[in-house]
PDB file of N, CA and C in Angstrom:
ATOM      1  N   MET A   1      -3.069  -3.196 -12.459  1.00  0.00           N
ATOM      2  CA  MET A   1      -4.507  -1.979 -11.794  1.00  0.00           C
ATOM      3  C   MET A   1      -4.590  -0.901 -11.838  1.00  0.00           C
ATOM      4  N   GLU A   2      -6.340  -0.720 -11.977  1.00  0.00           N
ATOM      5  CA  GLU A   2      -5.907   1.060 -11.553  1.00  0.00           C
ATOM      6  C   GLU A   2      -6.014   1.321 -10.495  1.00  0.00           C
ATOM      7  N   LEU A   3      -5.365   1.582  -9.423  1.00  0.00           N
ATOM      8  CA  LEU A   3      -5.978   2.096  -7.731  1.00  0.00           C
ATOM      9  C   LEU A   3      -6.260   3.317  -7.958  1.00  0.00           C
ATOM     10  N   LYS A   4      -6.742   3.517  -7.336  1.00  0.00           N
ATOM     11  CA  LYS A   4      -6.104   5.754  -6.829  1.00  0.00           C
ATOM     12  C   LYS A   4      -6.722   5.124  -4.671  1.00  0.00           C
ATOM     13  N   ILE A   5      -5.686   6.503  -4.295  1.00  0.00           N
ATOM     14  CA  ILE A   5      -6.074   7.788  -3.267  1.00  0.00           C
ATOM     15  C   ILE A   5      -7.406   7.364  -2.583  1.00  0.00           C
ATOM     16  N   GLY A   6      -7.532   5.939  -1.787  1.00  0.00           N
ATOM     17  CA  GLY A   6      -8.552   5.800  -1.313  1.00  0.00           C
ATOM     18  C   GLY A   6      -9.110   3.925  -1.430  1.00  0.00           C
ATOM     19  N   ASP A   7      -8.853   4.087  -2.380  1.00  0.00           N
ATOM     20  CA  ASP A   7      -9.933   2.641  -2.822  1.00  0.00           C
ATOM     21  C   ASP A   7      -9.564   1.290  -1.227  1.00  0.00           C
ATOM     22  N   ILE A   8     -10.754   0.415  -1.444  1.00  0.00           N
ATOM     23  CA  ILE A   8     -10.098  -0.321  -0.285  1.00  0.00           C
ATOM     24  C   ILE A   8      -9.748  -1.834  -1.283  1.00  0.00           C
ATOM     25  N   VAL A   9      -8.687  -2.215  -1.040  1.00  0.00           N
ATOM     26  CA  VAL A   9      -7.905  -3.615  -1.549  1.00  0.00           C
ATOM     27  C   VAL A   9      -7.540  -4.312  -0.587  1.00  0.00           C
ATOM     28  N   GLN A  10      -7.220  -5.361  -0.984  1.00  0.00           N
ATOM     29  CA  GLN A  10      -7.517  -6.812  -0.060  1.00  0.00           C
ATOM     30  C   GLN A  10      -5.686  -7.636  -0.608  1.00  0.00           C
ATOM     31  N   LEU A  11      -5.035  -8.955   0.498  1.00  0.00           N
ATOM     32  CA  LEU A  11      -3.976  -9.030  -1.116  1.00  0.00           C
ATOM     33  C   LEU A  11      -4.835 -10.537  -1.323  1.00  0.00           C
ATOM     34  N   ASN A  12      -4.634 -10.094  -2.483  1.00  0.00           N
ATOM     35  CA  ASN A  12      -4.447 -11.694  -2.698  1.00  0.00           C
ATOM     36  C   ASN A  12      -4.585 -12.718  -2.742  1.00  0.00           C
ATOM     37  N   SER A  13      -4.233 -13.034  -2.011  1.00  0.00           N
ATOM     38  CA  SER A  13      -3.832 -14.070  -0.532  1.00  0.00           C
ATOM     39  C   SER A  13      -4.756 -14.010   0.697  1.00  0.00           C
ATOM     40  N   GLY A  14      -5.546 -13.120   0.305  1.00  0.00           N
ATOM     41  CA  GLY A  14      -6.207 -13.024   2.206  1.00  0.00           C
ATOM     42  C   GLY A  14      -5.866 -12.229   2.673  1.00  0.00           C
ATOM     43  N   GLY A  15      -7.013 -11.767   4.218  1.00  0.00           N
ATOM     44  CA  GLY A  15      -6.344 -11.316   5.199  1.00  0.00           C
ATOM     45  C   GLY A  15      -7.073  -9.949   5.029  1.00  0.00           C
ATOM     46  N   PRO A  16      -7.415  -8.016   5.792  1.00  0.00           N
ATOM     47  CA  PRO A  16      -7.092  -7.269   6.129  1.00  0.00           C
ATOM     48  C   PRO A  16      -7.716  -6.591   5.080  1.00  0.00           C
ATOM     49  N   ASN A  17      -8.874  -5.857   5.016  1.00  0.00           N
ATOM     50  CA  ASN A  17      -8.920  -4.824   3.935  1.00  0.00           C
ATOM     51  C   ASN A  17      -8.498  -3.283   4.779  1.00  0.00           C
ATOM     52  N   MET A  18      -7.371  -3.215   3.278  1.00  0.00           N
ATOM     53  CA  MET A  18      -6.661  -1.952   3.413  1.00  0.00           C
ATOM     54  C   MET A  18      -7.070  -0.468   2.625  1.00  0.00           C
ATOM     55  N   THR A  19      -6.938  -0.059   3.123  1.00  0.00           N
ATOM     56  CA  THR A  19      -6.884   1.332   2.982  1.00  0.00           C
ATOM     57  C   THR A  19      -6.188   1.601   2.034  1.00  0.00           C
ATOM     58  N   VAL A  20      -5.825   2.499   0.494  1.00  0.00           N
ATOM     59  CA  VAL A  20      -5.535   3.528  -0.327  1.00  0.00           C
ATOM     60  C   VAL A  20      -4.402   4.643   0.120  1.00  0.00           C
ATOM     61  N   THR A  21      -2.931   4.738   0.508  1.00  0.00           N
ATOM     62  CA  THR A  21      -2.534   5.789   1.111  1.00  0.00           C
ATOM     63  C   THR A  21      -2.327   6.957   0.245  1.00  0.00           C
ATOM     64  N   GLY A  22      -2.071   6.439  -0.824  1.00  0.00           N
ATOM     65  CA  GLY A  22       0.003   6.828  -1.833  1.00  0.00           C
ATOM     66  C   GLY A  22       0.328   5.669  -2.318  1.00  0.00           C
ATOM     67  N   PHE A  23       1.288   5.800  -4.015  1.00  0.00           N
ATOM     68  CA  PHE A  23       1.831   5.307  -4.119  1.00  0.00           C
ATOM     69  C   PHE A  23       3.287   5.367  -4.302  1.00  0.00           C
ATOM     70  N   LEU A  24       4.060   4.943  -4.995  1.00  0.00           N
ATOM     71  CA  LEU A  24       6.473   4.385  -3.844  1.00  0.00           C
ATOM     72  C   LEU A  24       6.620   4.226  -5.884  1.00  0.00           C
ATOM     73  N   ASP A  25       7.157   4.196  -6.405  1.00  0.00           N
ATOM     74  CA  ASP A  25       7.703   4.076  -7.097  1.00  0.00           C
ATOM     75  C   ASP A  25       9.075   2.452  -7.062  1.00  0.00           C
ATOM     76  N   LYS A  26       9.700   1.613  -7.944  1.00  0.00           N
ATOM     77  CA  LYS A  26      10.342   0.671  -7.698  1.00  0.00           C
ATOM     78  C   LYS A  26      11.860   0.590  -6.725  1.00  0.00           C
ATOM     79  N   LYS A  27      12.101   1.793  -7.271  1.00  0.00           N
ATOM     80  CA  LYS A  27      13.266   2.438  -6.206  1.00  0.00           C
ATOM     81  C   LYS A  27      12.925   2.827  -4.084  1.00  0.00           C
ATOM     82  N   SER A  28      11.834   4.025  -4.234  1.00  0.00           N
ATOM     83  CA  SER A  28      11.324   4.143  -3.661  1.00  0.00           C
ATOM     84  C   SER A  28      10.868   2.706  -2.892  1.00  0.00           C
ATOM     85  N   GLY A  29      10.223   2.158  -3.144  1.00  0.00           N
ATOM     86  CA  GLY A  29       9.856   1.069  -2.657  1.00  0.00           C
ATOM     87  C   GLY A  29      10.465   0.055  -2.245  1.00  0.00           C
ATOM     88  N   GLY A  30      11.792  -0.218  -2.714  1.00  0.00           N
ATOM     89  CA  GLY A  30      13.052  -0.960  -2.371  1.00  0.00           C
ATOM     90  C   GLY A  30      13.520  -0.082  -1.463  1.00  0.00           C
ATOM     91  N   LEU A  31      13.268   0.384  -1.215  1.00  0.00           N
ATOM     92  CA  LEU A  31      14.012   1.561   0.136  1.00  0.00           C
ATOM     93  C   LEU A  31      13.275   1.417   1.556  1.00  0.00           C
ATOM     94  N   VAL A  32      11.555   1.346   0.537  1.00  0.00           N
ATOM     95  CA  VAL A  32      10.834   1.327   2.277  1.00  0.00           C
ATOM     96  C   VAL A  32      11.192  -0.433   2.677  1.00  0.00           C
ATOM     97  N   LYS A  33      11.600  -1.344   1.567  1.00  0.00           N
ATOM     98  CA  LYS A  33      11.985  -2.347   2.299  1.00  0.00           C
ATOM     99  C   LYS A  33      12.830  -2.762   2.980  1.00  0.00           C
ATOM    100  N   LYS A  34      14.083  -1.901   2.766  1.00  0.00           N
ATOM    101  CA  LYS A  34      15.376  -2.016   3.540  1.00  0.00           C
ATOM    102  C   LYS A  34      15.354  -1.610   4.403  1.00  0.00           C
ATOM    103  N   GLY A  35      14.253  -0.862   5.217  1.00  0.00           N
ATOM    104  CA  GLY A  35      13.326  -0.008   6.543  1.00  0.00           C
ATOM    105  C   GLY A  35      14.171   1.143   6.689  1.00  0.00           C
ATOM    106  N   ILE A  36      13.547   2.287   5.780  1.00  0.00           N
ATOM    107  CA  ILE A  36      13.663   2.750   5.241  1.00  0.00           C
ATOM    108  C   ILE A  36      12.130   3.349   5.586  1.00  0.00           C
ATOM    109  N   THR A  37      11.289   4.073   6.301  1.00  0.00           N
ATOM    110  CA  THR A  37      10.051   4.314   6.402  1.00  0.00           C
ATOM    111  C   THR A  37       9.007   4.572   5.443  1.00  0.00           C
ATOM    112  N   ALA A  38       8.364   5.407   5.156  1.00  0.00           N
ATOM    113  CA  ALA A  38       6.915   5.536   3.818  1.00  0.00           C
ATOM    114  C   ALA A  38       7.457   7.299   3.646  1.00  0.00           C
ATOM    115  N   GLY A  39       7.013   6.516   5.099  1.00  0.00           N
ATOM    116  CA  GLY A  39       6.776   8.729   5.097  1.00  0.00           C
ATOM    117  C   GLY A  39       7.906   9.508   5.593  1.00  0.00           C
ATOM    118  N   LYS A  40       8.915   8.620   5.541  1.00  0.00           N
ATOM    119  CA  LYS A  40      10.298  10.131   4.284  1.00  0.00           C
ATOM    120  C   LYS A  40      10.471   9.885   3.196  1.00  0.00           C
ATOM    121  N   LEU A  41       9.612   9.747   2.133  1.00  0.00           N
ATOM    122  CA  LEU A  41       9.625   9.703   1.199  1.00  0.00           C
ATOM    123  C   LEU A  41       8.617  10.712   0.238  1.00  0.00           C
ATOM    124  N   ASN A  42       9.246  11.082  -1.095  1.00  0.00           N
ATOM    125  CA  ASN A  42       8.113  11.771  -1.211  1.00  0.00           C
ATOM    126  C   ASN A  42       6.831  10.557  -2.305  1.00  0.00           C
ATOM    127  N   LYS A  43       5.697  10.953  -1.394  1.00  0.00           N
ATOM    128  CA  LYS A  43       4.790   9.025  -1.467  1.00  0.00           C
ATOM    129  C   LYS A  43       4.280  10.125  -3.149  1.00  0.00           C
ATOM    130  N   SER A  44       4.197  10.574  -4.476  1.00  0.00           N
ATOM    131  CA  SER A  44       2.333  10.180  -5.097  1.00  0.00           C
ATOM    132  C   SER A  44       1.369   9.882  -4.913  1.00  0.00           C
ATOM    133  N   GLU A  45       0.469  10.473  -5.227  1.00  0.00           N
ATOM    134  CA  GLU A  45      -0.916  10.500  -5.265  1.00  0.00           C
ATOM    135  C   GLU A  45      -1.423  10.506  -6.566  1.00  0.00           C
ATOM    136  N   THR A  46      -0.362   9.940  -8.086  1.00  0.00           N
ATOM    137  CA  THR A  46      -1.017   8.668  -9.101  1.00  0.00           C
ATOM    138  C   THR A  46      -0.114   7.378  -8.953  1.00  0.00           C
ATOM    139  N   ASN A  47      -0.704   6.594  -9.690  1.00  0.00           N
ATOM    140  CA  ASN A  47      -0.673   5.125  -9.491  1.00  0.00           C
ATOM    141  C   ASN A  47       0.613   5.253 -10.359  1.00  0.00           C
ATOM    142  N   THR A  48       2.007   4.350  -9.213  1.00  0.00           N
ATOM    143  CA  THR A  48       3.069   4.386 -10.875  1.00  0.00           C
ATOM    144  C   THR A  48       2.696   2.881 -11.196  1.00  0.00           C
ATOM    145  N   ASN A  49       2.014   2.028 -10.910  1.00  0.00           N
ATOM    146  CA  ASN A  49       1.380   0.690 -11.042  1.00  0.00           C
ATOM    147  C   ASN A  49       3.062  -0.205 -10.478  1.00  0.00           C
ATOM    148  N   ASP A  50       3.869   0.708  -9.453  1.00  0.00           N
ATOM    149  CA  ASP A  50       4.700  -0.664  -8.666  1.00  0.00           C
ATOM    150  C   ASP A  50       4.064  -0.700  -7.340  1.00  0.00           C
ATOM    151  N   TYR A  51       3.951   0.432  -6.064  1.00  0.00           N
ATOM    152  CA  TYR A  51       3.433  -0.329  -5.442  1.00  0.00           C
ATOM    153  C   TYR A  51       2.350   0.330  -4.461  1.00  0.00           C
ATOM    154  N   ALA A  52       1.029   0.062  -4.169  1.00  0.00           N
ATOM    155  CA  ALA A  52       0.661   0.776  -3.238  1.00  0.00           C
ATOM    156  C   ALA A  52       0.901   1.337  -1.622  1.00  0.00           C
ATOM    157  N   ILE A  53       1.112   2.127  -0.613  1.00  0.00           N
ATOM    158  CA  ILE A  53       0.793   2.265   0.287  1.00  0.00           C
ATOM    159  C   ILE A  53      -0.644   2.869   1.055  1.00  0.00           C
ATOM    160  N   CYS A  54      -0.486   1.470   2.460  1.00  0.00           N
ATOM    161  CA  CYS A  54      -1.835   1.007   2.650  1.00  0.00           C
ATOM    162  C   CYS A  54      -1.164   1.777   3.998  1.00  0.00           C
ATOM    163  N   GLN A  55      -2.626   1.486   4.669  1.00  0.00           N
ATOM    164  CA  GLN A  55      -3.246   1.550   6.556  1.00  0.00           C
ATOM    165  C   GLN A  55      -4.760   1.177   6.150  1.00  0.00           C
ATOM    166  N   TRP A  56      -5.258  -0.231   8.150  1.00  0.00           N
ATOM    167  CA  TRP A  56      -5.143  -0.952   8.102  1.00  0.00           C
ATOM    168  C   TRP A  56      -5.306  -0.717   9.769  1.00  0.00           C
ATOM    169  N   PHE A  57      -6.365  -1.685  10.208  1.00  0.00           N
ATOM    170  CA  PHE A  57      -6.108  -1.419  11.588  1.00  0.00           C
ATOM    171  C   PHE A  57      -6.597  -3.029  11.153  1.00  0.00           C
ATOM    172  N   ASP A  58      -5.561  -3.990  12.376  1.00  0.00           N
ATOM    173  CA  ASP A  58      -5.578  -5.353  12.884  1.00  0.00           C
ATOM    174  C   ASP A  58      -6.797  -5.716  13.611  1.00  0.00           C
ATOM    175  N   ASN A  59      -6.469  -7.021  13.712  1.00  0.00           N
ATOM    176  CA  ASN A  59      -8.152  -8.224  14.577  1.00  0.00           C
ATOM    177  C   ASN A  59      -8.034  -7.338  16.075  1.00  0.00           C
ATOM    178  N   VAL A  60      -6.871  -6.992  16.698  1.00  0.00           N
ATOM    179  CA  VAL A  60      -7.767  -6.387  18.130  1.00  0.00           C
ATOM    180  C   VAL A  60      -7.139  -4.563  17.574  1.00  0.00           C
ATOM    181  N   GLY A  61      -7.386  -4.295  16.939  1.00  0.00           N
ATOM    182  CA  GLY A  61      -7.313  -2.710  17.050  1.00  0.00           C
ATOM    183  C   GLY A  61      -6.206  -1.494  16.381  1.00  0.00           C
ATOM    184  N   SER A  62      -5.089  -2.429  15.808  1.00  0.00           N
ATOM    185  CA  SER A  62      -4.082  -1.673  16.629  1.00  0.00           C
ATOM    186  C   SER A  62      -3.514  -1.222  14.947  1.00  0.00           C
ATOM    187  N   PHE A  63      -2.882   0.261  14.573  1.00  0.00           N
ATOM    188  CA  PHE A  63      -3.217   0.994  13.287  1.00  0.00           C
ATOM    189  C   PHE A  63      -1.577   0.642  13.115  1.00  0.00           C
ATOM    190  N   LYS A  64      -1.879   0.115  10.979  1.00  0.00           N
ATOM    191  CA  LYS A  64      -0.601  -0.514  10.469  1.00  0.00           C
ATOM    192  C   LYS A  64      -0.780  -0.099   9.268  1.00  0.00           C
ATOM    193  N   GLU A  65       0.388   0.249   8.661  1.00  0.00           N
ATOM    194  CA  GLU A  65       1.074   0.792   7.483  1.00  0.00           C
ATOM    195  C   GLU A  65       2.376  -0.111   6.815  1.00  0.00           C
ATOM    196  N   ASP A  66       1.830  -0.400   5.470  1.00  0.00           N
ATOM    197  CA  ASP A  66       2.685  -1.283   4.757  1.00  0.00           C
ATOM    198  C   ASP A  66       2.900  -0.985   3.274  1.00  0.00           C
ATOM    199  N   ILE A  67       3.775  -1.027   2.543  1.00  0.00           N
ATOM    200  CA  ILE A  67       3.468  -0.867   0.848  1.00  0.00           C
ATOM    201  C   ILE A  67       4.084  -2.375   0.303  1.00  0.00           C
ATOM    202  N   PHE A  68       3.400  -3.086  -0.433  1.00  0.00           N
ATOM    203  CA  PHE A  68       2.441  -3.559  -1.649  1.00  0.00           C
ATOM    204  C   PHE A  68       3.028  -3.685  -2.669  1.00  0.00           C
ATOM    205  N   LEU A  69       3.279  -4.584  -3.237  1.00  0.00           N
ATOM    206  CA  LEU A  69       3.369  -4.661  -4.836  1.00  0.00           C
ATOM    207  C   LEU A  69       1.607  -4.230  -5.077  1.00  0.00           C
ATOM    208  N   ILE A  70       1.700  -3.491  -6.150  1.00  0.00           N
ATOM    209  CA  ILE A  70       0.412  -3.398  -7.150  1.00  0.00           C
ATOM    210  C   ILE A  70      -0.009  -4.775  -7.172  1.00  0.00           C
ATOM    211  N   SER A  71       0.940  -5.764  -7.369  1.00  0.00           N
ATOM    212  CA  SER A  71       0.027  -6.610  -8.405  1.00  0.00           C
ATOM    213  C   SER A  71       0.180  -7.812  -7.597  1.00  0.00           C
ATOM    214  N   THR A  72       0.249  -7.813  -5.535  1.00  0.00           N
ATOM    215  CA  THR A  72      -0.265  -9.195  -4.638  1.00  0.00           C
ATOM    216  C   THR A  72      -1.733  -7.876  -3.948  1.00  0.00           C
ATOM    217  N   VAL A  73      -1.879  -7.403  -4.977  1.00  0.00           N
ATOM    218  CA  VAL A  73      -3.366  -7.296  -4.182  1.00  0.00           C
ATOM    219  C   VAL A  73      -4.916  -7.293  -5.372  1.00  0.00           C
ATOM    220  N   GLU A  74      -5.907  -7.077  -4.671  1.00  0.00           N
ATOM    221  CA  GLU A  74      -6.648  -7.041  -5.419  1.00  0.00           C
ATOM    222  C   GLU A  74      -7.856  -5.428  -4.982  1.00  0.00           C
ATOM    223  N   LEU A  75      -8.294  -4.499  -5.528  1.00  0.00           N
ATOM    224  CA  LEU A  75      -9.839  -4.106  -5.085  1.00  0.00           C
ATOM    225  C   LEU A  75     -10.670  -4.288  -5.351  1.00  0.00           C
ATOM    226  N   LYS A  76     -11.009  -4.200  -3.519  1.00  0.00           N
ATOM    227  CA  LYS A  76     -12.740  -4.871  -2.903  1.00  0.00           C
ATOM    228  C   LYS A  76     -13.562  -4.572  -3.270  1.00  0.00           C
ATOM    229  N   GLN A  77     -15.164  -4.805  -3.677  1.00  0.00           N
ATOM    230  CA  GLN A  77     -15.947  -4.136  -4.584  1.00  0.00           C
ATOM    231  C   GLN A  77     -17.283  -3.465  -3.022  1.00  0.00           C
TER     232      GLN A  77
END
């Protein structure tokens, strides 16, 4: 899937709408999943086809950020 920064996505399994804010390759994405925050890594502005960095607000208005394998999200129209 060809995502770009600013796209609105949702997990394939549902959930909130999220905004794509950057991309990480497999190596960097693996480091995030081990506890290193995405902000400490070199974010890419171009789609690496590995991980998308997404931001959203949960149902109580708290700001959230996480990374997701691009294959696990779908572009919202």
